[in-house]
Structure formats: C-alpha cells, structure tokens
Amino acid sequence: MQQGLLFVHGSLQLAEQQSVDPQVPAPENLGGAIDRPVPAEVWAHVQAKLAGADSLPEVTIDTQDETVQMLAAKMPPMAKVLQAAGRLPAGKL
C-alpha cells in the first residue's frame, strides 16, 4: 500500500484526491519510500480547485536528493541500490 491524499470539505464532498502512480514503487525511489509531492503545492492546488479556478497550479515531486545522499552515506548496501537505480552518481559509494 502506498500513501495518498484525500481532501474533503464541509459537506463531505470530495475536493481533491491524489494517489501514487502504480509505477512509482520502483528501485529508483526505494519502493516508494522517497519522492513526495511538495505539501505547499498540493495545498495551493486544492485551494485553487475549491475556489473554482480555471487553471490549477502544478504539483511537483520533491526528489529528496539530500535524503538519498544521507542514506547512501550511512548505509553502503543502500548506496549500491541507489546507484544501480540511477539515483546516485558513480563514485559516490
């Protein structure tokens, strides 16, 4: 099971629903353990939708590069997985 977001407002009407793409749990993101939508952008998107905006702000994915670097530094087996998945440049082991 992967995380998702569900926003409901006063009348219990669904305001917004976002879930992880089924392709997301992959070696590149440690099975879905890293790479998350930017919370402030998600909230701006929901607010714009509730306000009836004609265009909605995009929500980007934070690739959590600092987390990837930390995991690689502290856990050598993880560094090998991240490198094999293309998330850690060669020579960073």
N, C-alpha and C. Protein backbone atom coordinates (compact mmCIF):
# COMPACT_ATOMS: atom_id res chain seq x y z
N MET A 1 0.84 -1.17 0.00
CA MET A 1 0.00 0.00 0.00
C MET A 1 0.89 1.23 0.00
N GLN A 2 0.52 2.24 -0.77
CA GLN A 2 1.26 3.49 -0.84
C GLN A 2 0.38 4.63 -0.35
N GLN A 3 1.04 5.70 -0.01
CA GLN A 3 0.35 6.87 0.51
C GLN A 3 -0.53 7.53 -0.55
N GLY A 4 -1.46 8.29 -0.07
CA GLY A 4 -2.32 9.07 -0.95
C GLY A 4 -2.83 10.27 -0.18
N LEU A 5 -3.46 11.18 -0.86
CA LEU A 5 -4.02 12.38 -0.24
C LEU A 5 -5.50 12.45 -0.59
N LEU A 6 -6.29 12.80 0.39
CA LEU A 6 -7.72 12.93 0.18
C LEU A 6 -8.16 14.18 0.92
N PHE A 7 -8.80 15.10 0.22
CA PHE A 7 -9.28 16.34 0.82
C PHE A 7 -10.79 16.38 0.70
N VAL A 8 -11.44 16.55 1.84
CA VAL A 8 -12.89 16.61 1.89
C VAL A 8 -13.25 17.93 2.56
N HIS A 9 -14.27 18.62 2.04
CA HIS A 9 -14.65 19.86 2.70
C HIS A 9 -16.02 19.74 3.33
N GLY A 10 -16.49 20.80 3.96
CA GLY A 10 -17.66 20.86 4.83
C GLY A 10 -18.80 19.90 4.56
N SER A 11 -19.23 19.80 3.33
CA SER A 11 -20.38 18.94 3.02
C SER A 11 -19.97 17.50 2.77
N LEU A 12 -18.76 17.16 3.14
CA LEU A 12 -18.17 15.84 2.91
C LEU A 12 -18.08 15.51 1.43
N GLN A 13 -18.02 16.54 0.63
CA GLN A 13 -17.83 16.38 -0.81
C GLN A 13 -16.33 16.26 -1.07
N LEU A 14 -15.96 15.34 -1.93
CA LEU A 14 -14.56 15.16 -2.27
C LEU A 14 -14.05 16.39 -3.00
N ALA A 15 -13.03 17.02 -2.44
CA ALA A 15 -12.46 18.22 -3.04
C ALA A 15 -11.30 17.86 -3.97
N GLU A 16 -10.52 16.92 -3.56
CA GLU A 16 -9.34 16.53 -4.35
C GLU A 16 -8.88 15.18 -3.88
N GLN A 17 -8.37 14.41 -4.79
CA GLN A 17 -7.83 13.10 -4.46
C GLN A 17 -6.57 12.91 -5.29
N GLN A 18 -5.50 12.56 -4.63
CA GLN A 18 -4.26 12.27 -5.33
C GLN A 18 -3.72 10.98 -4.74
N SER A 19 -3.27 10.12 -5.59
CA SER A 19 -2.65 8.90 -5.11
C SER A 19 -1.39 8.65 -5.90
N VAL A 20 -0.60 7.77 -5.39
CA VAL A 20 0.67 7.45 -6.03
C VAL A 20 0.41 6.67 -7.31
N ASP A 21 1.10 7.03 -8.35
CA ASP A 21 1.06 6.31 -9.61
C ASP A 21 1.49 4.87 -9.34
N PRO A 22 0.77 3.89 -9.87
CA PRO A 22 1.15 2.49 -9.60
C PRO A 22 2.57 2.15 -10.03
N GLN A 23 3.14 2.95 -10.91
CA GLN A 23 4.51 2.70 -11.36
C GLN A 23 5.53 3.29 -10.39
N VAL A 24 5.07 4.09 -9.43
CA VAL A 24 6.00 4.79 -8.55
C VAL A 24 6.80 3.86 -7.65
N PRO A 25 6.21 2.86 -7.00
CA PRO A 25 7.07 1.98 -6.21
C PRO A 25 8.07 1.27 -7.12
N ALA A 26 9.28 1.76 -7.13
CA ALA A 26 10.31 1.26 -8.03
C ALA A 26 11.67 1.38 -7.34
N PRO A 27 12.67 0.70 -7.86
CA PRO A 27 14.01 0.83 -7.26
C PRO A 27 14.49 2.28 -7.21
N GLU A 28 14.10 3.09 -8.20
CA GLU A 28 14.55 4.47 -8.26
C GLU A 28 14.10 5.30 -7.07
N ASN A 29 12.99 4.91 -6.44
CA ASN A 29 12.52 5.67 -5.28
C ASN A 29 12.39 4.77 -4.04
N LEU A 30 13.20 3.74 -4.02
CA LEU A 30 13.26 2.81 -2.89
C LEU A 30 11.89 2.24 -2.57
N GLY A 31 11.20 1.81 -3.58
CA GLY A 31 9.89 1.19 -3.39
C GLY A 31 8.82 2.16 -2.94
N GLY A 32 9.00 3.43 -3.24
CA GLY A 32 8.02 4.45 -2.82
C GLY A 32 8.39 5.11 -1.51
N ALA A 33 9.55 4.80 -0.95
CA ALA A 33 9.94 5.36 0.33
C ALA A 33 10.41 6.81 0.23
N ILE A 34 10.82 7.24 -0.95
CA ILE A 34 11.24 8.63 -1.15
C ILE A 34 10.48 9.18 -2.36
N ASP A 35 10.61 10.43 -2.61
CA ASP A 35 9.94 11.17 -3.68
C ASP A 35 8.49 11.44 -3.28
N ARG A 36 8.22 12.62 -2.85
CA ARG A 36 6.90 13.01 -2.36
C ARG A 36 6.47 14.33 -3.00
N PRO A 37 5.17 14.54 -3.15
CA PRO A 37 4.70 15.84 -3.63
C PRO A 37 5.03 16.92 -2.60
N VAL A 38 5.26 18.13 -3.08
CA VAL A 38 5.57 19.26 -2.20
C VAL A 38 4.28 19.68 -1.50
N PRO A 39 4.20 19.56 -0.16
CA PRO A 39 2.95 19.82 0.55
C PRO A 39 2.32 21.18 0.27
N ALA A 40 3.10 22.24 0.24
CA ALA A 40 2.55 23.58 -0.01
C ALA A 40 1.93 23.66 -1.40
N GLU A 41 2.51 22.98 -2.37
CA GLU A 41 1.96 22.99 -3.72
C GLU A 41 0.67 22.18 -3.79
N VAL A 42 0.60 21.08 -3.05
CA VAL A 42 -0.63 20.29 -3.00
C VAL A 42 -1.75 21.14 -2.42
N TRP A 43 -1.46 21.84 -1.33
CA TRP A 43 -2.48 22.66 -0.68
C TRP A 43 -2.92 23.81 -1.60
N ALA A 44 -1.99 24.43 -2.30
CA ALA A 44 -2.35 25.51 -3.24
C ALA A 44 -3.24 24.97 -4.35
N HIS A 45 -2.97 23.77 -4.81
CA HIS A 45 -3.77 23.12 -5.84
C HIS A 45 -5.20 22.89 -5.34
N VAL A 46 -5.32 22.36 -4.13
CA VAL A 46 -6.65 22.11 -3.55
C VAL A 46 -7.41 23.41 -3.36
N GLN A 47 -6.76 24.43 -2.82
CA GLN A 47 -7.43 25.72 -2.61
C GLN A 47 -7.91 26.31 -3.92
N ALA A 48 -7.08 26.23 -4.96
CA ALA A 48 -7.48 26.77 -6.27
C ALA A 48 -8.67 26.00 -6.82
N LYS A 49 -8.67 24.69 -6.65
CA LYS A 49 -9.77 23.87 -7.14
C LYS A 49 -11.07 24.22 -6.41
N LEU A 50 -11.00 24.36 -5.09
CA LEU A 50 -12.18 24.73 -4.31
C LEU A 50 -12.70 26.11 -4.68
N ALA A 51 -11.80 27.01 -5.07
CA ALA A 51 -12.18 28.36 -5.46
C ALA A 51 -12.73 28.40 -6.89
N GLY A 52 -12.68 27.28 -7.59
CA GLY A 52 -13.19 27.23 -8.96
C GLY A 52 -12.27 27.85 -9.99
N ALA A 53 -10.98 27.84 -9.71
CA ALA A 53 -10.00 28.43 -10.63
C ALA A 53 -10.05 27.74 -12.00
N ASP A 54 -9.82 28.54 -13.05
CA ASP A 54 -9.80 27.99 -14.40
C ASP A 54 -8.58 27.11 -14.65
N SER A 55 -7.47 27.47 -14.03
CA SER A 55 -6.27 26.64 -14.17
C SER A 55 -5.74 26.36 -12.77
N LEU A 56 -5.25 25.16 -12.60
CA LEU A 56 -4.77 24.74 -11.29
C LEU A 56 -3.25 24.70 -11.27
N PRO A 57 -2.66 25.14 -10.16
CA PRO A 57 -1.20 25.09 -10.07
C PRO A 57 -0.70 23.64 -10.11
N GLU A 58 0.43 23.46 -10.72
CA GLU A 58 1.02 22.12 -10.79
C GLU A 58 1.61 21.73 -9.45
N VAL A 59 1.68 20.46 -9.22
CA VAL A 59 2.30 19.92 -8.02
C VAL A 59 3.54 19.16 -8.46
N THR A 60 4.68 19.57 -7.94
CA THR A 60 5.93 18.91 -8.31
C THR A 60 6.30 17.87 -7.26
N ILE A 61 7.21 17.02 -7.64
CA ILE A 61 7.70 15.96 -6.75
C ILE A 61 9.06 16.37 -6.21
N ASP A 62 9.19 16.34 -4.90
CA ASP A 62 10.47 16.57 -4.25
C ASP A 62 11.24 15.26 -4.31
N THR A 63 12.33 15.25 -5.04
CA THR A 63 13.10 14.01 -5.22
C THR A 63 13.97 13.67 -4.02
N GLN A 64 13.94 14.52 -3.02
CA GLN A 64 14.62 14.27 -1.75
C GLN A 64 16.07 13.85 -1.94
N ASP A 65 16.78 14.63 -2.76
CA ASP A 65 18.17 14.29 -3.05
C ASP A 65 19.05 14.28 -1.79
N GLU A 66 18.76 15.18 -0.83
CA GLU A 66 19.54 15.17 0.42
C GLU A 66 19.33 13.86 1.17
N THR A 67 18.10 13.35 1.18
CA THR A 67 17.81 12.08 1.84
C THR A 67 18.55 10.95 1.15
N VAL A 68 18.55 10.97 -0.17
CA VAL A 68 19.25 9.94 -0.94
C VAL A 68 20.74 9.95 -0.58
N GLN A 69 21.33 11.13 -0.52
CA GLN A 69 22.76 11.24 -0.18
C GLN A 69 23.03 10.72 1.23
N MET A 70 22.15 11.07 2.19
CA MET A 70 22.33 10.63 3.56
C MET A 70 22.22 9.11 3.67
N LEU A 71 21.21 8.54 3.02
CA LEU A 71 21.04 7.08 3.04
C LEU A 71 22.28 6.39 2.48
N ALA A 72 22.78 6.92 1.39
CA ALA A 72 23.96 6.32 0.76
C ALA A 72 25.18 6.39 1.67
N ALA A 73 25.32 7.51 2.37
CA ALA A 73 26.49 7.69 3.24
C ALA A 73 26.41 6.78 4.47
N LYS A 74 25.23 6.59 5.01
CA LYS A 74 25.08 5.83 6.25
C LYS A 74 24.87 4.33 6.03
N MET A 75 24.43 3.96 4.85
CA MET A 75 24.09 2.56 4.61
C MET A 75 24.67 2.11 3.26
N PRO A 76 25.89 1.59 3.25
CA PRO A 76 26.53 1.19 1.99
C PRO A 76 25.68 0.27 1.12
N PRO A 77 24.95 -0.72 1.66
CA PRO A 77 24.11 -1.53 0.77
C PRO A 77 23.05 -0.69 0.05
N MET A 78 22.52 0.33 0.76
CA MET A 78 21.53 1.22 0.15
C MET A 78 22.17 2.04 -0.97
N ALA A 79 23.42 2.42 -0.77
CA ALA A 79 24.13 3.19 -1.80
C ALA A 79 24.22 2.39 -3.09
N LYS A 80 24.47 1.10 -2.97
CA LYS A 80 24.56 0.25 -4.17
C LYS A 80 23.22 0.17 -4.89
N VAL A 81 22.14 0.05 -4.12
CA VAL A 81 20.79 0.02 -4.72
C VAL A 81 20.49 1.34 -5.42
N LEU A 82 20.79 2.44 -4.74
CA LEU A 82 20.53 3.77 -5.32
C LEU A 82 21.37 4.00 -6.57
N GLN A 83 22.61 3.56 -6.54
CA GLN A 83 23.47 3.71 -7.71
C GLN A 83 22.97 2.87 -8.87
N ALA A 84 22.58 1.64 -8.60
CA ALA A 84 22.06 0.77 -9.65
C ALA A 84 20.77 1.33 -10.26
N ALA A 85 20.00 2.06 -9.45
CA ALA A 85 18.74 2.64 -9.92
C ALA A 85 18.95 3.99 -10.60
N GLY A 86 20.20 4.46 -10.63
CA GLY A 86 20.48 5.73 -11.29
C GLY A 86 20.22 6.96 -10.43
N ARG A 87 20.01 6.78 -9.14
CA ARG A 87 19.74 7.90 -8.26
C ARG A 87 20.99 8.43 -7.58
N LEU A 88 22.10 7.73 -7.72
CA LEU A 88 23.35 8.13 -7.09
C LEU A 88 24.45 8.00 -8.13
N PRO A 89 25.16 9.08 -8.41
CA PRO A 89 26.21 9.03 -9.43
C PRO A 89 27.31 8.03 -9.06
N ALA A 90 27.94 7.50 -10.08
CA ALA A 90 29.08 6.59 -9.87
C ALA A 90 30.14 7.32 -9.06
N GLY A 91 30.83 6.58 -8.23
CA GLY A 91 31.90 7.17 -7.43
C GLY A 91 31.40 7.69 -6.09
N LYS A 92 30.11 7.63 -5.82
CA LYS A 92 29.57 8.13 -4.55
C LYS A 92 29.45 7.03 -3.50
N LEU A 93 29.93 5.83 -3.81
CA LEU A 93 29.83 4.72 -2.84
C LEU A 93 30.90 4.86 -1.79
